[in-house]
Amino acid sequence: MSTLVKTPETTHHVYFQDCDMLGHLNNSRYLDYFLNAREDHTTAHYSLNMGELARAQHAVWVITKHHISYLKAARQGAQVRISSQLIHFDNSSLVLEMQMRDEAGTRLLALLWSEMAYVTMPAGTRTDHANAMMDLLEQLDVDTVDYDPDGFDERVKAVRQQLKKQRRAAGSDE
């Protein structure tokens, strides 16, 4: 079996209609861009269609909390890179980290943690992941990210420092 891509990445165009009067991506649209990218990633890399999975399992992940840090404006007309990765999971929940970077991938524009609970449909009561899903989540978990529910700000700082070191090593200007 081939190794699954743990941190898929796609490029997206920032559309005029999604921006404010200053030409910056509207804060609420970041969530749309992130969640749409994650859906693209799960379809392309894991052959998971969230709608079909929900109908088959009679359960779905619902977002219980977002942590988001807006660091630099994503500007109208720009190309941005969006990556997503699973950084924590248990029997009935998971945490995704999504990053939006500039086109070169060297500057962090925004970072999002989405906490999700797995719930039955239509009741909406928490339920456990099936064994096959737990196996998949185990394969996808990025263990190099030390997840701490209270450590969001520290994670943002660490990613920014990592990118800064990479830019310096490449001889890029700050």
N, C-alpha and C. Protein backbone atom coordinates (compact mmCIF):
# COMPACT_ATOMS: atom_id res chain seq x y z
N MET A 1 0.84 -1.18 0.00
CA MET A 1 0.00 0.00 0.00
C MET A 1 0.89 1.25 0.00
N SER A 2 0.53 2.22 -0.80
CA SER A 2 1.32 3.44 -0.88
C SER A 2 1.09 4.31 0.36
N THR A 3 2.06 5.15 0.62
CA THR A 3 1.97 6.06 1.75
C THR A 3 1.02 7.20 1.43
N LEU A 4 0.15 7.50 2.35
CA LEU A 4 -0.81 8.60 2.16
C LEU A 4 -0.12 9.94 2.39
N VAL A 5 -0.55 10.94 1.66
CA VAL A 5 -0.05 12.30 1.83
C VAL A 5 -0.68 12.85 3.11
N LYS A 6 0.14 13.12 4.11
CA LYS A 6 -0.38 13.60 5.39
C LYS A 6 -0.71 15.08 5.36
N THR A 7 0.01 15.84 4.55
CA THR A 7 -0.21 17.29 4.50
C THR A 7 -0.37 17.72 3.04
N PRO A 8 -1.56 17.47 2.49
CA PRO A 8 -1.79 17.90 1.10
C PRO A 8 -1.86 19.42 1.00
N GLU A 9 -1.55 19.91 -0.20
CA GLU A 9 -1.54 21.36 -0.44
C GLU A 9 -2.10 21.63 -1.82
N THR A 10 -2.87 22.70 -1.91
CA THR A 10 -3.41 23.15 -3.19
C THR A 10 -3.24 24.65 -3.30
N THR A 11 -3.29 25.14 -4.52
CA THR A 11 -3.18 26.57 -4.78
C THR A 11 -4.57 27.10 -5.13
N HIS A 12 -4.87 28.28 -4.61
CA HIS A 12 -6.17 28.91 -4.86
C HIS A 12 -5.98 30.37 -5.25
N HIS A 13 -6.87 30.84 -6.08
CA HIS A 13 -6.90 32.23 -6.50
C HIS A 13 -7.81 33.01 -5.55
N VAL A 14 -7.38 34.18 -5.10
CA VAL A 14 -8.20 35.03 -4.24
C VAL A 14 -9.08 35.90 -5.15
N TYR A 15 -10.36 35.69 -5.09
CA TYR A 15 -11.31 36.35 -5.98
C TYR A 15 -11.77 37.71 -5.45
N PHE A 16 -12.01 38.61 -6.37
CA PHE A 16 -12.49 39.95 -6.07
C PHE A 16 -13.74 39.92 -5.17
N GLN A 17 -14.68 39.07 -5.51
CA GLN A 17 -15.96 39.00 -4.78
C GLN A 17 -15.78 38.59 -3.32
N ASP A 18 -14.64 38.00 -2.99
CA ASP A 18 -14.38 37.52 -1.63
C ASP A 18 -13.62 38.54 -0.78
N CYS A 19 -13.35 39.70 -1.36
CA CYS A 19 -12.49 40.68 -0.70
C CYS A 19 -13.28 41.88 -0.17
N ASP A 20 -12.67 42.58 0.78
CA ASP A 20 -13.26 43.80 1.31
C ASP A 20 -12.85 44.98 0.43
N MET A 21 -13.21 46.18 0.84
CA MET A 21 -12.94 47.37 0.03
C MET A 21 -11.44 47.69 -0.08
N LEU A 22 -10.63 47.13 0.79
CA LEU A 22 -9.18 47.34 0.72
C LEU A 22 -8.49 46.31 -0.17
N GLY A 23 -9.27 45.37 -0.71
CA GLY A 23 -8.70 44.34 -1.55
C GLY A 23 -8.11 43.17 -0.78
N HIS A 24 -8.49 43.06 0.51
CA HIS A 24 -8.03 41.96 1.35
C HIS A 24 -9.12 40.90 1.42
N LEU A 25 -8.72 39.65 1.46
CA LEU A 25 -9.68 38.58 1.63
C LEU A 25 -10.48 38.83 2.91
N ASN A 26 -11.80 38.82 2.81
CA ASN A 26 -12.67 39.05 3.96
C ASN A 26 -12.44 37.95 5.00
N ASN A 27 -12.39 38.33 6.26
CA ASN A 27 -12.07 37.38 7.34
C ASN A 27 -12.95 36.13 7.30
N SER A 28 -14.24 36.29 7.06
CA SER A 28 -15.13 35.13 7.06
C SER A 28 -14.84 34.21 5.87
N ARG A 29 -14.32 34.75 4.79
CA ARG A 29 -14.05 33.94 3.60
C ARG A 29 -12.82 33.03 3.79
N TYR A 30 -11.93 33.39 4.72
CA TYR A 30 -10.80 32.50 5.01
C TYR A 30 -11.33 31.11 5.39
N LEU A 31 -12.37 31.08 6.21
CA LEU A 31 -12.93 29.79 6.63
C LEU A 31 -13.43 29.00 5.43
N ASP A 32 -14.13 29.69 4.50
CA ASP A 32 -14.60 29.02 3.30
C ASP A 32 -13.43 28.45 2.49
N TYR A 33 -12.40 29.26 2.30
CA TYR A 33 -11.24 28.82 1.53
C TYR A 33 -10.59 27.61 2.19
N PHE A 34 -10.43 27.66 3.51
CA PHE A 34 -9.82 26.54 4.24
C PHE A 34 -10.67 25.27 4.13
N LEU A 35 -11.94 25.39 4.41
CA LEU A 35 -12.80 24.20 4.42
C LEU A 35 -12.98 23.62 3.02
N ASN A 36 -13.07 24.47 2.00
CA ASN A 36 -13.16 23.98 0.63
C ASN A 36 -11.86 23.27 0.22
N ALA A 37 -10.73 23.83 0.64
CA ALA A 37 -9.45 23.18 0.33
C ALA A 37 -9.38 21.81 1.00
N ARG A 38 -9.81 21.72 2.26
CA ARG A 38 -9.77 20.42 2.95
C ARG A 38 -10.65 19.40 2.26
N GLU A 39 -11.82 19.84 1.80
CA GLU A 39 -12.68 18.91 1.07
C GLU A 39 -11.99 18.43 -0.21
N ASP A 40 -11.35 19.35 -0.93
CA ASP A 40 -10.59 18.97 -2.12
C ASP A 40 -9.49 17.98 -1.76
N HIS A 41 -8.81 18.22 -0.65
CA HIS A 41 -7.71 17.34 -0.23
C HIS A 41 -8.22 15.94 0.10
N THR A 42 -9.32 15.85 0.84
CA THR A 42 -9.82 14.51 1.22
C THR A 42 -10.32 13.74 0.01
N THR A 43 -10.90 14.46 -0.94
CA THR A 43 -11.37 13.79 -2.16
C THR A 43 -10.20 13.31 -3.01
N ALA A 44 -9.24 14.20 -3.25
CA ALA A 44 -8.12 13.88 -4.14
C ALA A 44 -7.13 12.89 -3.54
N HIS A 45 -6.85 13.00 -2.25
CA HIS A 45 -5.78 12.19 -1.66
C HIS A 45 -6.25 10.97 -0.89
N TYR A 46 -7.50 10.98 -0.42
CA TYR A 46 -7.97 9.86 0.40
C TYR A 46 -9.22 9.20 -0.17
N SER A 47 -9.68 9.69 -1.33
CA SER A 47 -10.89 9.16 -1.98
C SER A 47 -12.09 9.17 -1.04
N LEU A 48 -12.18 10.23 -0.24
CA LEU A 48 -13.30 10.37 0.69
C LEU A 48 -14.22 11.48 0.20
N ASN A 49 -15.44 11.13 -0.06
CA ASN A 49 -16.47 12.11 -0.37
C ASN A 49 -17.28 12.29 0.91
N MET A 50 -17.20 13.47 1.50
CA MET A 50 -17.82 13.68 2.81
C MET A 50 -19.33 13.44 2.80
N GLY A 51 -20.02 13.82 1.74
CA GLY A 51 -21.46 13.58 1.65
C GLY A 51 -21.79 12.10 1.59
N GLU A 52 -21.07 11.37 0.74
CA GLU A 52 -21.30 9.93 0.64
C GLU A 52 -20.95 9.22 1.94
N LEU A 53 -19.86 9.63 2.56
CA LEU A 53 -19.45 9.03 3.83
C LEU A 53 -20.51 9.27 4.90
N ALA A 54 -21.04 10.46 4.96
CA ALA A 54 -22.08 10.79 5.95
C ALA A 54 -23.32 9.93 5.73
N ARG A 55 -23.73 9.76 4.48
CA ARG A 55 -24.91 8.94 4.19
C ARG A 55 -24.66 7.47 4.54
N ALA A 56 -23.47 6.98 4.23
CA ALA A 56 -23.16 5.57 4.51
C ALA A 56 -23.01 5.30 6.00
N GLN A 57 -22.39 6.20 6.73
CA GLN A 57 -22.11 6.00 8.15
C GLN A 57 -23.23 6.52 9.06
N HIS A 58 -24.14 7.31 8.49
CA HIS A 58 -25.18 7.99 9.27
C HIS A 58 -24.56 8.83 10.39
N ALA A 59 -23.41 9.40 10.05
CA ALA A 59 -22.69 10.25 10.99
C ALA A 59 -21.84 11.24 10.21
N VAL A 60 -21.50 12.35 10.86
CA VAL A 60 -20.76 13.42 10.19
C VAL A 60 -19.94 14.17 11.22
N TRP A 61 -18.86 14.79 10.76
CA TRP A 61 -18.09 15.66 11.63
C TRP A 61 -18.72 17.04 11.63
N VAL A 62 -18.90 17.61 12.81
CA VAL A 62 -19.38 18.98 12.92
C VAL A 62 -18.32 19.80 13.66
N ILE A 63 -18.17 21.02 13.22
CA ILE A 63 -17.17 21.89 13.83
C ILE A 63 -17.68 22.36 15.18
N THR A 64 -16.85 22.20 16.19
CA THR A 64 -17.21 22.65 17.52
C THR A 64 -16.45 23.92 17.91
N LYS A 65 -15.30 24.14 17.25
CA LYS A 65 -14.52 25.32 17.61
C LYS A 65 -13.50 25.61 16.51
N HIS A 66 -13.28 26.90 16.26
CA HIS A 66 -12.20 27.34 15.38
C HIS A 66 -11.24 28.21 16.18
N HIS A 67 -9.95 28.06 15.92
CA HIS A 67 -8.93 29.00 16.37
C HIS A 67 -8.29 29.50 15.08
N ILE A 68 -8.30 30.81 14.86
CA ILE A 68 -7.72 31.32 13.63
C ILE A 68 -6.86 32.54 13.93
N SER A 69 -5.75 32.62 13.25
CA SER A 69 -4.87 33.77 13.37
C SER A 69 -4.67 34.34 11.97
N TYR A 70 -5.05 35.60 11.80
CA TYR A 70 -4.85 36.31 10.54
C TYR A 70 -3.55 37.09 10.67
N LEU A 71 -2.55 36.75 9.87
CA LEU A 71 -1.22 37.32 10.05
C LEU A 71 -0.86 38.34 8.98
N LYS A 72 -1.12 38.03 7.75
CA LYS A 72 -0.85 38.94 6.63
C LYS A 72 -2.02 38.84 5.68
N ALA A 73 -2.35 39.93 5.04
CA ALA A 73 -3.51 39.96 4.15
C ALA A 73 -3.29 39.08 2.92
N ALA A 74 -4.30 38.29 2.60
CA ALA A 74 -4.36 37.61 1.31
C ALA A 74 -5.06 38.60 0.39
N ARG A 75 -4.39 39.04 -0.64
CA ARG A 75 -4.89 40.13 -1.47
C ARG A 75 -5.60 39.62 -2.72
N GLN A 76 -6.54 40.43 -3.16
CA GLN A 76 -7.32 40.12 -4.36
C GLN A 76 -6.38 39.87 -5.54
N GLY A 77 -6.66 38.80 -6.27
CA GLY A 77 -5.87 38.44 -7.44
C GLY A 77 -4.67 37.56 -7.15
N ALA A 78 -4.31 37.43 -5.88
CA ALA A 78 -3.13 36.62 -5.52
C ALA A 78 -3.44 35.13 -5.61
N GLN A 79 -2.38 34.37 -5.76
CA GLN A 79 -2.46 32.92 -5.62
C GLN A 79 -1.97 32.60 -4.21
N VAL A 80 -2.69 31.75 -3.50
CA VAL A 80 -2.28 31.34 -2.16
C VAL A 80 -2.21 29.82 -2.12
N ARG A 81 -1.36 29.33 -1.23
CA ARG A 81 -1.24 27.90 -1.00
C ARG A 81 -1.97 27.56 0.29
N ILE A 82 -2.78 26.53 0.23
CA ILE A 82 -3.50 26.09 1.43
C ILE A 82 -3.15 24.62 1.68
N SER A 83 -2.64 24.35 2.87
CA SER A 83 -2.34 22.98 3.27
C SER A 83 -3.25 22.61 4.44
N SER A 84 -3.46 21.32 4.59
CA SER A 84 -4.28 20.85 5.71
C SER A 84 -3.66 19.57 6.25
N GLN A 85 -3.82 19.39 7.56
CA GLN A 85 -3.29 18.17 8.18
C GLN A 85 -4.04 17.87 9.47
N LEU A 86 -4.12 16.59 9.75
CA LEU A 86 -4.72 16.10 10.99
C LEU A 86 -3.65 16.15 12.07
N ILE A 87 -3.91 16.90 13.15
CA ILE A 87 -2.89 17.01 14.21
C ILE A 87 -3.31 16.34 15.51
N HIS A 88 -4.57 15.90 15.60
CA HIS A 88 -5.02 15.20 16.81
C HIS A 88 -6.33 14.49 16.49
N PHE A 89 -6.52 13.34 17.11
CA PHE A 89 -7.81 12.65 17.02
C PHE A 89 -7.97 11.72 18.21
N ASP A 90 -9.21 11.39 18.50
CA ASP A 90 -9.52 10.36 19.48
C ASP A 90 -10.74 9.61 18.96
N ASN A 91 -11.42 8.86 19.81
CA ASN A 91 -12.53 8.01 19.35
C ASN A 91 -13.67 8.76 18.68
N SER A 92 -13.88 10.02 19.07
CA SER A 92 -15.05 10.72 18.53
C SER A 92 -14.78 12.17 18.12
N SER A 93 -13.52 12.55 18.01
CA SER A 93 -13.23 13.93 17.61
C SER A 93 -11.91 13.99 16.86
N LEU A 94 -11.68 15.13 16.24
CA LEU A 94 -10.41 15.36 15.57
C LEU A 94 -10.12 16.85 15.51
N VAL A 95 -8.84 17.16 15.28
CA VAL A 95 -8.41 18.55 15.13
C VAL A 95 -7.60 18.64 13.84
N LEU A 96 -8.01 19.54 12.97
CA LEU A 96 -7.29 19.80 11.72
C LEU A 96 -6.55 21.12 11.84
N GLU A 97 -5.36 21.15 11.28
CA GLU A 97 -4.63 22.41 11.15
C GLU A 97 -4.56 22.73 9.67
N MET A 98 -4.89 23.98 9.34
CA MET A 98 -4.82 24.43 7.96
C MET A 98 -4.01 25.72 7.92
N GLN A 99 -3.15 25.80 6.94
CA GLN A 99 -2.30 26.97 6.78
C GLN A 99 -2.54 27.58 5.41
N MET A 100 -2.59 28.91 5.39
CA MET A 100 -2.62 29.64 4.12
C MET A 100 -1.30 30.40 4.05
N ARG A 101 -0.59 30.17 2.94
CA ARG A 101 0.69 30.83 2.73
C ARG A 101 0.65 31.59 1.40
N ASP A 102 1.64 32.44 1.21
CA ASP A 102 1.74 33.15 -0.06
C ASP A 102 2.06 32.14 -1.18
N GLU A 103 2.09 32.64 -2.41
CA GLU A 103 2.28 31.75 -3.56
C GLU A 103 3.59 30.98 -3.49
N ALA A 104 4.63 31.61 -2.99
CA ALA A 104 5.93 30.95 -2.86
C ALA A 104 5.95 29.94 -1.71
N GLY A 105 4.99 30.04 -0.82
CA GLY A 105 4.93 29.14 0.32
C GLY A 105 5.86 29.53 1.45
N THR A 106 6.39 30.75 1.41
CA THR A 106 7.39 31.16 2.40
C THR A 106 6.86 32.08 3.48
N ARG A 107 5.66 32.59 3.32
CA ARG A 107 5.08 33.49 4.32
C ARG A 107 3.71 32.97 4.74
N LEU A 108 3.53 32.88 6.05
CA LEU A 108 2.26 32.43 6.61
C LEU A 108 1.28 33.59 6.63
N LEU A 109 0.15 33.42 5.95
CA LEU A 109 -0.89 34.45 5.92
C LEU A 109 -1.92 34.22 7.02
N ALA A 110 -2.27 32.95 7.24
CA ALA A 110 -3.25 32.62 8.27
C ALA A 110 -3.06 31.16 8.68
N LEU A 111 -3.42 30.87 9.92
CA LEU A 111 -3.37 29.51 10.43
C LEU A 111 -4.66 29.24 11.17
N LEU A 112 -5.24 28.06 10.94
CA LEU A 112 -6.52 27.68 11.52
C LEU A 112 -6.43 26.31 12.16
N TRP A 113 -6.98 26.20 13.35
CA TRP A 113 -7.26 24.90 13.94
C TRP A 113 -8.77 24.75 13.97
N SER A 114 -9.28 23.65 13.43
CA SER A 114 -10.70 23.32 13.49
C SER A 114 -10.88 22.07 14.32
N GLU A 115 -11.61 22.22 15.41
CA GLU A 115 -11.94 21.08 16.26
C GLU A 115 -13.31 20.56 15.82
N MET A 116 -13.39 19.25 15.65
CA MET A 116 -14.63 18.65 15.15
C MET A 116 -15.03 17.45 16.00
N ALA A 117 -16.33 17.29 16.15
CA ALA A 117 -16.89 16.12 16.84
C ALA A 117 -17.61 15.26 15.81
N TYR A 118 -17.53 13.97 15.99
CA TYR A 118 -18.21 13.03 15.10
C TYR A 118 -19.57 12.73 15.74
N VAL A 119 -20.64 13.04 15.00
CA VAL A 119 -22.00 12.91 15.55
C VAL A 119 -22.89 12.12 14.60
N THR A 120 -23.90 11.48 15.20
CA THR A 120 -24.88 10.72 14.43
C THR A 120 -25.84 11.67 13.73
N MET A 121 -26.40 11.19 12.62
CA MET A 121 -27.43 11.95 11.91
C MET A 121 -28.73 11.18 12.05
N PRO A 122 -29.84 11.79 12.24
CA PRO A 122 -30.04 13.23 12.39
C PRO A 122 -29.99 13.70 13.85
N ALA A 123 -29.79 12.79 14.80
CA ALA A 123 -29.87 13.15 16.22
C ALA A 123 -28.82 14.16 16.65
N GLY A 124 -27.62 14.08 16.08
CA GLY A 124 -26.57 15.00 16.46
C GLY A 124 -25.88 14.63 17.77
N THR A 125 -25.95 13.37 18.15
CA THR A 125 -25.27 12.93 19.37
C THR A 125 -23.90 12.38 19.02
N ARG A 126 -22.94 12.64 19.89
CA ARG A 126 -21.56 12.20 19.67
C ARG A 126 -21.51 10.68 19.55
N THR A 127 -20.68 10.21 18.63
CA THR A 127 -20.51 8.77 18.43
C THR A 127 -19.05 8.48 18.13
N ASP A 128 -18.67 7.22 18.23
CA ASP A 128 -17.29 6.82 17.97
C ASP A 128 -17.07 6.61 16.48
N HIS A 129 -15.84 6.87 16.06
CA HIS A 129 -15.44 6.55 14.70
C HIS A 129 -15.44 5.03 14.52
N ALA A 130 -15.77 4.59 13.32
CA ALA A 130 -15.68 3.16 13.00
C ALA A 130 -14.21 2.74 13.02
N ASN A 131 -13.97 1.45 13.20
CA ASN A 131 -12.60 0.94 13.28
C ASN A 131 -11.79 1.29 12.02
N ALA A 132 -12.40 1.17 10.85
CA ALA A 132 -11.69 1.49 9.61
C ALA A 132 -11.30 2.97 9.57
N MET A 133 -12.17 3.83 10.07
CA MET A 133 -11.86 5.26 10.11
C MET A 133 -10.74 5.53 11.11
N MET A 134 -10.76 4.86 12.25
CA MET A 134 -9.68 5.02 13.23
C MET A 134 -8.35 4.60 12.61
N ASP A 135 -8.36 3.54 11.82
CA ASP A 135 -7.13 3.12 11.14
C ASP A 135 -6.64 4.18 10.18
N LEU A 136 -7.55 4.77 9.41
CA LEU A 136 -7.17 5.83 8.48
C LEU A 136 -6.65 7.05 9.22
N LEU A 137 -7.34 7.45 10.28
CA LEU A 137 -6.91 8.60 11.06
C LEU A 137 -5.51 8.37 11.64
N GLU A 138 -5.24 7.16 12.07
CA GLU A 138 -3.91 6.82 12.60
C GLU A 138 -2.84 7.02 11.53
N GLN A 139 -3.15 6.63 10.30
CA GLN A 139 -2.20 6.79 9.20
C GLN A 139 -1.98 8.26 8.84
N LEU A 140 -3.02 9.08 9.01
CA LEU A 140 -2.96 10.48 8.59
C LEU A 140 -2.45 11.43 9.67
N ASP A 141 -2.43 10.99 10.91
CA ASP A 141 -2.04 11.86 12.02
C ASP A 141 -0.60 12.33 11.85
N VAL A 142 -0.41 13.65 11.92
CA VAL A 142 0.91 14.24 11.80
C VAL A 142 1.49 14.34 13.21
N ASP A 143 2.34 13.40 13.54
CA ASP A 143 2.86 13.32 14.91
C ASP A 143 3.99 14.30 15.18
N THR A 144 4.44 15.04 14.17
CA THR A 144 5.49 16.04 14.40
C THR A 144 4.92 17.33 14.97
N VAL A 145 3.60 17.47 14.96
CA VAL A 145 2.95 18.62 15.59
C VAL A 145 2.52 18.19 16.98
N ASP A 146 3.11 18.83 17.98
CA ASP A 146 2.80 18.50 19.37
C ASP A 146 1.54 19.26 19.77
N TYR A 147 0.38 18.62 19.60
CA TYR A 147 -0.90 19.28 19.85
C TYR A 147 -1.15 19.49 21.33
N ASP A 148 -1.46 20.71 21.69
CA ASP A 148 -1.89 21.11 23.03
C ASP A 148 -3.11 22.00 22.83
N PRO A 149 -4.27 21.64 23.37
CA PRO A 149 -5.47 22.45 23.14
C PRO A 149 -5.29 23.93 23.49
N ASP A 150 -4.39 24.24 24.41
CA ASP A 150 -4.15 25.63 24.79
C ASP A 150 -2.91 26.21 24.11
N GLY A 151 -2.36 25.50 23.14
CA GLY A 151 -1.10 25.90 22.54
C GLY A 151 -1.18 26.53 21.16
N PHE A 152 -2.34 27.05 20.80
CA PHE A 152 -2.51 27.61 19.46
C PHE A 152 -1.52 28.74 19.18
N ASP A 153 -1.43 29.70 20.06
CA ASP A 153 -0.53 30.84 19.83
C ASP A 153 0.92 30.39 19.71
N GLU A 154 1.31 29.41 20.51
CA GLU A 154 2.67 28.89 20.43
C GLU A 154 2.91 28.20 19.09
N ARG A 155 1.89 27.51 18.57
CA ARG A 155 2.01 26.84 17.28
C ARG A 155 2.18 27.88 16.16
N VAL A 156 1.40 28.95 16.20
CA VAL A 156 1.53 30.01 15.19
C VAL A 156 2.95 30.56 15.21
N LYS A 157 3.45 30.84 16.40
CA LYS A 157 4.80 31.38 16.54
C LYS A 157 5.84 30.41 15.99
N ALA A 158 5.69 29.13 16.28
CA ALA A 158 6.65 28.12 15.81
C ALA A 158 6.66 28.01 14.29
N VAL A 159 5.49 28.04 13.67
CA VAL A 159 5.42 27.95 12.20
C VAL A 159 6.06 29.18 11.58
N ARG A 160 5.78 30.35 12.14
CA ARG A 160 6.38 31.58 11.60
C ARG A 160 7.90 31.55 11.73
N GLN A 161 8.41 31.07 12.85
CA GLN A 161 9.86 30.97 13.04
C GLN A 161 10.48 29.97 12.07
N GLN A 162 9.80 28.86 11.84
CA GLN A 162 10.29 27.85 10.90
C GLN A 162 10.39 28.44 9.49
N LEU A 163 9.38 29.17 9.07
CA LEU A 163 9.39 29.78 7.74
C LEU A 163 10.47 30.85 7.64
N LYS A 164 10.67 31.60 8.70
CA LYS A 164 11.71 32.64 8.71
C LYS A 164 13.09 32.00 8.53
N LYS A 165 13.34 30.89 9.22
CA LYS A 165 14.61 30.18 9.08
C LYS A 165 14.79 29.67 7.64
N GLN A 166 13.72 29.17 7.06
CA GLN A 166 13.79 28.69 5.68
C GLN A 166 14.10 29.83 4.71
N ARG A 167 13.49 30.99 4.93
CA ARG A 167 13.77 32.14 4.06
C ARG A 167 15.22 32.58 4.19
N ARG A 168 15.72 32.63 5.41
CA ARG A 168 17.11 33.00 5.65
C ARG A 168 18.07 32.02 4.97
N ALA A 169 17.78 30.73 5.13
CA ALA A 169 18.64 29.71 4.53
C ALA A 169 18.65 29.81 3.00
N ALA A 170 17.54 30.26 2.45
CA ALA A 170 17.44 30.42 1.00
C ALA A 170 17.98 31.76 0.53
N GLY A 171 18.36 32.61 1.49
CA GLY A 171 18.91 33.92 1.14
C GLY A 171 17.86 34.93 0.74
N SER A 172 16.60 34.69 1.15
CA SER A 172 15.52 35.62 0.82
C SER A 172 15.52 36.81 1.75
N ASP A 173 15.00 37.92 1.25
CA ASP A 173 14.82 39.11 2.09
C ASP A 173 13.72 38.88 3.08
N GLU A 174 13.81 39.56 4.19
CA GLU A 174 12.75 39.51 5.20
C GLU A 174 11.66 40.35 4.72
